[in-house]
Amino acid sequence: MTINIIGMPMDLGQGRRGVDMGPSAIRYAGIGARLKELGYKVIDDGDLTIKTQEEQQVKDAKAKYLPEIARACTVLARKVEKISQKGQFPLVLGGDHSIAIGTVAGLSLNARRRKKKLGIFWIDAHGDFNTPGSSPSGNIHGMPLAICAGLGPRQLVNVGGSFTKVDAKNIAIIGLRDLDKSERENLKKFGVHLYTMEDIDKYGVHKVMKRAFDQVANNVDYLHVSFDLDSVDPIYAPGVGTPVKGGLDYREAHLIMEMLAESKKMTSLELVEVNPILDNRNQSAEFAVELVQSAFGKKIL
């Protein structure tokens, strides 16, 4: 299998600067070399070009930097669609989580063309299911999953085409521990499958993942995994955009990725919210690379 790496150095979707350097940090941690060691062919298409915050103005405080996010995600969607059409594996490096609007749009276009069903494992401390009307900050990185499910600003919902990119019942959020009230209501209303850190504490990550496979992954043709590093406890990944205590520990995060590798269901992957400015000697990026290795089949024995 050929893995095609795309860098999406965008920090427009959130308030803290620094996640635009995430793709560089992950590359510096050796992601290309580590994947080649596992026997994969790796193509790195470099970074897409994004306008910085200094080059533009906030026109809508309820959906900050929306025009540029829509433009950049449209470019990313085309790129991901082309890679998928070639039968290559898209590996997208962020950037804040708003980049998923483009990644999922591109994957959905490919699935739609082939009359296949797309599902998502959204591994995140947050629901990312806000709208401009419910968001307390106006930061779009808190909205991308809602947008992928068809809820949100038209310019973003229609990236890649005016259709819903993924059916909400084919989405599982894993590792939830920080939700806004309106998000909670919308997630329940749309029927997204939710697996909280409380669930993981009670039942263990293996059982929770089995449920996610039964309810989502086994019912779709393509499975996209969107991994926000803030799903991991800040002890292991301090350099993330929005750290929240009480996340996945080292082994839980790796077991999630190892189960994905075993299942052979994952068809695309993105890593987001690595922030080198807040990190300790590139610890978070190095952990991200280790997780990718597990997702692509690295084993103890």
Protein backbone atom coordinates (compact mmCIF):
# COMPACT_ATOMS: atom_id res chain seq x y z
CA MET A 1 0.00 0.00 0.00
CA THR A 2 1.10 3.53 -0.80
CA ILE A 3 0.61 6.11 1.93
CA ASN A 4 0.29 9.68 0.67
CA ILE A 5 1.08 12.33 3.31
CA ILE A 6 -0.56 15.75 3.06
CA GLY A 7 0.32 18.62 5.41
CA MET A 8 -2.48 21.04 6.28
CA PRO A 9 -0.76 23.76 8.38
CA MET A 10 -3.88 25.65 9.43
CA ASP A 11 -4.49 27.33 12.79
CA LEU A 12 -7.43 29.50 11.71
CA GLY A 13 -10.01 27.27 13.37
CA GLN A 14 -8.89 27.89 16.92
CA GLY A 15 -7.74 30.64 19.26
CA ARG A 16 -4.28 29.40 20.25
CA ARG A 17 -1.50 29.85 17.73
CA GLY A 18 0.99 27.11 16.95
CA VAL A 19 -0.90 24.15 15.50
CA ASP A 20 0.04 25.34 12.02
CA MET A 21 3.50 23.96 12.84
CA GLY A 22 2.03 20.53 13.63
CA PRO A 23 2.80 18.94 10.23
CA SER A 24 6.44 20.03 10.45
CA ALA A 25 6.74 18.68 14.00
CA ILE A 26 5.30 15.31 13.00
CA ARG A 27 7.61 15.09 10.00
CA TYR A 28 10.56 16.05 12.21
CA ALA A 29 9.58 13.17 14.51
CA GLY A 30 10.23 10.86 11.54
CA ILE A 31 6.81 9.79 10.33
CA GLY A 32 7.95 9.03 6.77
CA ALA A 33 10.93 6.93 7.81
CA ARG A 34 8.93 5.01 10.44
CA LEU A 35 6.27 4.05 7.89
CA LYS A 36 8.90 2.95 5.36
CA GLU A 37 10.43 0.73 8.05
CA LEU A 38 7.06 -1.04 8.23
CA GLY A 39 7.28 -1.79 4.50
CA TYR A 40 5.04 0.91 3.05
CA LYS A 41 5.73 3.12 0.07
CA VAL A 42 5.44 6.73 1.25
CA ILE A 43 4.75 9.83 -0.84
CA ASP A 44 4.88 13.21 0.87
CA ASP A 45 3.15 15.90 -1.16
CA GLY A 46 4.23 18.65 1.22
CA ASP A 47 1.98 21.29 2.72
CA LEU A 48 -0.99 23.11 1.25
CA THR A 49 -0.75 26.90 1.31
CA ILE A 50 -2.88 28.64 3.93
CA LYS A 51 -3.26 32.37 4.56
CA THR A 52 -2.16 33.29 8.07
CA GLN A 53 -4.33 35.17 10.56
CA GLU A 54 -2.21 38.28 9.96
CA GLU A 55 -3.19 38.28 6.25
CA GLN A 56 -6.93 38.54 6.87
CA GLN A 57 -9.63 39.88 9.16
CA VAL A 58 -12.35 38.23 11.20
CA LYS A 59 -15.54 39.09 9.33
CA ASP A 60 -17.89 37.05 11.52
CA ALA A 61 -17.09 36.60 15.22
CA LYS A 62 -19.44 33.59 15.35
CA ALA A 63 -17.48 31.72 12.64
CA LYS A 64 -13.96 33.14 12.57
CA TYR A 65 -11.93 33.05 9.35
CA LEU A 66 -14.72 31.17 7.58
CA PRO A 67 -13.90 32.24 3.97
CA GLU A 68 -10.27 31.08 4.13
CA ILE A 69 -11.16 27.87 5.96
CA ALA A 70 -13.75 27.12 3.26
CA ARG A 71 -11.23 27.84 0.48
CA ALA A 72 -8.41 25.81 2.04
CA CYS A 73 -10.69 22.88 2.85
CA THR A 74 -11.99 22.87 -0.73
CA VAL A 75 -8.39 22.51 -1.96
CA LEU A 76 -7.76 19.75 0.57
CA ALA A 77 -10.96 17.94 -0.46
CA ARG A 78 -9.82 17.82 -4.10
CA LYS A 79 -6.41 16.54 -3.04
CA VAL A 80 -7.82 13.80 -0.79
CA GLU A 81 -10.33 12.76 -3.46
CA LYS A 82 -7.56 12.34 -6.07
CA ILE A 83 -5.40 10.31 -3.69
CA SER A 84 -8.36 8.06 -2.81
CA GLN A 85 -9.24 7.58 -6.48
CA LYS A 86 -5.71 6.30 -7.12
CA GLY A 87 -6.17 3.67 -4.43
CA GLN A 88 -3.59 5.31 -2.16
CA PHE A 89 -4.02 5.87 1.57
CA PRO A 90 -4.50 9.56 2.55
CA LEU A 91 -2.63 10.51 5.73
CA VAL A 92 -3.46 14.14 6.58
CA LEU A 93 -1.39 16.05 9.14
CA GLY A 94 -2.89 19.10 10.86
CA GLY A 95 -3.36 21.80 11.77
CA ASP A 96 -6.46 22.31 13.90
CA HIS A 97 -9.45 20.02 13.64
CA SER A 98 -11.32 22.26 11.19
CA ILE A 99 -9.18 20.61 8.47
CA ALA A 100 -11.46 17.56 8.78
CA ILE A 101 -14.10 19.49 6.80
CA GLY A 102 -11.85 19.15 3.76
CA THR A 103 -10.56 15.65 4.48
CA VAL A 104 -14.03 14.17 4.96
CA ALA A 105 -15.44 16.04 1.94
CA GLY A 106 -12.76 14.49 -0.29
CA LEU A 107 -13.32 11.01 1.12
CA SER A 108 -17.07 11.40 0.77
CA LEU A 109 -16.74 12.44 -2.88
CA ASN A 110 -14.75 9.29 -3.60
CA ALA A 111 -17.21 7.08 -1.69
CA ARG A 112 -20.19 8.71 -3.41
CA ARG A 113 -18.67 8.14 -6.84
CA ARG A 114 -18.15 4.45 -6.04
CA LYS A 115 -21.58 4.11 -4.34
CA LYS A 116 -19.89 3.15 -1.08
CA LYS A 117 -20.67 4.07 2.53
CA LEU A 118 -18.28 6.23 4.59
CA GLY A 119 -17.96 6.06 8.37
CA ILE A 120 -15.85 7.97 10.90
CA PHE A 121 -14.07 7.18 14.15
CA TRP A 122 -13.61 10.63 15.72
CA ILE A 123 -11.11 10.16 18.55
CA ASP A 124 -11.33 13.35 20.56
CA ALA A 125 -11.88 14.86 24.01
CA HIS A 126 -14.46 17.16 22.40
CA GLY A 127 -17.59 16.60 20.34
CA ASP A 128 -16.76 19.27 17.73
CA PHE A 129 -20.51 19.45 17.12
CA ASN A 130 -21.09 23.14 17.73
CA THR A 131 -22.60 25.62 15.27
CA PRO A 132 -21.98 29.37 14.97
CA GLY A 133 -25.15 29.87 17.02
CA SER A 134 -24.05 27.60 19.86
CA SER A 135 -20.28 28.05 19.92
CA PRO A 136 -19.03 30.05 22.92
CA SER A 137 -15.89 31.11 21.00
CA GLY A 138 -16.75 31.22 17.30
CA ASN A 139 -13.75 28.97 16.64
CA ILE A 140 -14.53 26.62 13.76
CA HIS A 141 -12.37 23.78 15.12
CA GLY A 142 -15.30 23.17 17.50
CA MET A 143 -17.71 22.67 14.56
CA PRO A 144 -16.23 20.29 11.94
CA LEU A 145 -18.03 17.08 12.85
CA ALA A 146 -21.39 18.85 12.83
CA ILE A 147 -20.50 20.30 9.42
CA CYS A 148 -19.58 16.84 8.08
CA ALA A 149 -23.01 15.62 9.28
CA GLY A 150 -24.73 18.49 7.45
CA LEU A 151 -25.20 20.99 10.29
CA GLY A 152 -23.55 24.40 10.06
CA PRO A 153 -22.69 27.29 7.71
CA ARG A 154 -23.64 26.60 4.10
CA GLN A 155 -20.18 27.58 2.79
CA LEU A 156 -18.61 24.83 4.90
CA VAL A 157 -21.35 22.20 4.65
CA ASN A 158 -21.10 22.54 0.84
CA VAL A 159 -17.31 22.11 0.60
CA GLY A 160 -16.90 19.45 -2.08
CA GLY A 161 -20.56 19.62 -3.08
CA SER A 162 -24.00 20.35 -1.63
CA PHE A 163 -24.68 17.01 0.03
CA THR A 164 -24.26 15.57 3.54
CA LYS A 165 -20.77 14.13 3.74
CA VAL A 166 -21.45 11.39 6.29
CA ASP A 167 -24.58 9.99 7.89
CA ALA A 168 -24.49 10.76 11.63
CA LYS A 169 -25.35 7.15 12.50
CA ASN A 170 -22.05 6.16 10.85
CA ILE A 171 -20.00 8.31 13.25
CA ALA A 172 -18.46 7.20 16.54
CA ILE A 173 -16.79 9.67 18.91
CA ILE A 174 -14.30 7.91 21.18
CA GLY A 175 -12.73 9.44 24.30
CA LEU A 176 -15.29 12.20 24.92
CA ARG A 177 -14.85 14.16 28.12
CA ASP A 178 -15.64 17.84 27.41
CA LEU A 179 -18.95 18.89 25.81
CA ASP A 180 -20.92 22.13 25.58
CA LYS A 181 -24.65 21.92 26.37
CA SER A 182 -25.81 22.55 22.79
CA GLU A 183 -23.33 20.01 21.46
CA ARG A 184 -24.74 17.39 23.80
CA GLU A 185 -28.26 18.08 22.55
CA ASN A 186 -27.27 18.02 18.87
CA LEU A 187 -25.20 14.83 19.21
CA LYS A 188 -28.14 13.01 20.78
CA LYS A 189 -30.60 14.44 18.27
CA PHE A 190 -28.47 13.35 15.28
CA GLY A 191 -27.82 9.87 16.72
CA VAL A 192 -24.02 9.95 16.78
CA HIS A 193 -22.53 7.00 18.69
CA LEU A 194 -20.80 8.36 21.80
CA TYR A 195 -18.13 6.63 23.86
CA THR A 196 -16.95 8.71 26.81
CA MET A 197 -13.94 8.38 29.06
CA GLU A 198 -16.43 7.19 31.69
CA ASP A 199 -17.33 4.31 29.37
CA ILE A 200 -13.64 3.50 28.92
CA ASP A 201 -13.12 3.61 32.69
CA LYS A 202 -16.08 1.29 33.31
CA TYR A 203 -15.71 -1.23 30.51
CA GLY A 204 -12.14 -0.87 29.25
CA VAL A 205 -10.98 0.45 25.91
CA HIS A 206 -11.07 -3.00 24.25
CA LYS A 207 -14.80 -3.47 24.92
CA VAL A 208 -15.59 0.12 23.93
CA MET A 209 -13.75 -0.29 20.63
CA LYS A 210 -15.55 -3.58 19.94
CA ARG A 211 -18.85 -1.73 20.34
CA ALA A 212 -17.67 1.03 18.00
CA PHE A 213 -16.70 -1.58 15.40
CA ASP A 214 -20.07 -3.33 15.75
CA GLN A 215 -22.09 -0.12 15.56
CA VAL A 216 -20.11 1.78 12.92
CA ALA A 217 -17.01 0.27 11.32
CA ASN A 218 -18.57 -3.08 10.38
CA ASN A 219 -21.49 -1.33 8.66
CA VAL A 220 -19.49 0.91 6.29
CA ASP A 221 -17.21 0.37 3.29
CA TYR A 222 -14.66 3.07 4.12
CA LEU A 223 -13.58 4.05 7.64
CA HIS A 224 -11.90 7.39 8.25
CA VAL A 225 -10.07 7.86 11.56
CA SER A 226 -9.70 11.45 12.76
CA PHE A 227 -7.35 11.48 15.74
CA ASP A 228 -7.14 14.64 17.83
CA LEU A 229 -4.09 14.45 20.10
CA ASP A 230 -6.10 16.13 22.88
CA SER A 231 -7.92 12.82 23.29
CA VAL A 232 -4.75 11.69 25.06
CA ASP A 233 -4.05 12.80 28.62
CA PRO A 234 -1.76 15.89 28.70
CA ILE A 235 0.80 13.84 30.67
CA TYR A 236 1.58 12.00 27.44
CA ALA A 237 0.72 14.71 24.92
CA PRO A 238 1.16 18.17 26.50
CA GLY A 239 1.58 20.03 23.19
CA VAL A 240 -2.00 20.15 21.92
CA GLY A 241 -4.41 22.96 21.07
CA THR A 242 -6.97 22.37 23.84
CA PRO A 243 -5.65 20.03 26.55
CA VAL A 244 -8.14 18.45 28.96
CA LYS A 245 -7.15 16.34 31.97
CA GLY A 246 -8.30 12.74 32.28
CA GLY A 247 -7.75 11.49 28.75
CA LEU A 248 -6.55 8.25 27.19
CA ASP A 249 -3.37 6.87 28.69
CA TYR A 250 -0.39 5.61 26.71
CA ARG A 251 -1.55 2.00 26.38
CA GLU A 252 -5.22 2.86 25.76
CA ALA A 253 -4.29 5.12 22.83
CA HIS A 254 -2.01 2.47 21.37
CA LEU A 255 -4.59 -0.28 21.80
CA ILE A 256 -7.12 1.77 19.83
CA MET A 257 -4.65 2.03 16.96
CA GLU A 258 -3.59 -1.61 17.23
CA MET A 259 -7.23 -2.71 17.00
CA LEU A 260 -7.66 -0.55 13.90
CA ALA A 261 -4.62 -2.22 12.33
CA GLU A 262 -5.96 -5.68 13.20
CA SER A 263 -9.36 -4.92 11.75
CA LYS A 264 -7.93 -3.73 8.40
CA LYS A 265 -10.99 -1.42 8.22
CA MET A 266 -9.19 1.95 8.33
CA THR A 267 -8.93 3.53 4.87
CA SER A 268 -7.74 7.05 5.80
CA LEU A 269 -6.27 8.83 8.80
CA GLU A 270 -5.69 12.36 9.99
CA LEU A 271 -3.78 13.66 13.01
CA VAL A 272 -4.63 17.09 14.35
CA GLU A 273 -3.95 19.68 17.05
CA VAL A 274 -0.23 19.04 17.62
CA ASN A 275 1.10 22.36 18.93
CA PRO A 276 4.92 22.53 19.17
CA ILE A 277 4.79 25.88 20.99
CA LEU A 278 3.09 24.21 23.95
CA ASP A 279 5.07 20.98 23.72
CA ASN A 280 8.04 19.58 25.60
CA ARG A 281 10.90 18.67 23.22
CA ASN A 282 8.48 17.47 20.50
CA GLN A 283 7.02 14.87 22.87
CA SER A 284 3.50 15.08 21.43
CA ALA A 285 4.61 14.79 17.81
CA GLU A 286 6.78 11.80 18.66
CA PHE A 287 3.84 10.18 20.42
CA ALA A 288 1.69 10.87 17.35
CA VAL A 289 4.23 9.06 15.16
CA GLU A 290 4.24 6.08 17.54
CA LEU A 291 0.44 5.93 17.30
CA VAL A 292 0.60 5.98 13.52
CA GLN A 293 3.07 3.09 13.60
CA SER A 294 0.61 1.09 15.72
CA ALA A 295 -2.22 1.94 13.32
CA PHE A 296 -0.17 0.60 10.43
CA GLY A 297 0.70 -2.67 12.07
CA LYS A 298 3.72 -2.26 14.34
CA LYS A 299 3.57 -4.98 16.99
CA ILE A 300 5.48 -5.96 20.09
CA LEU A 301 5.95 -9.50 18.73
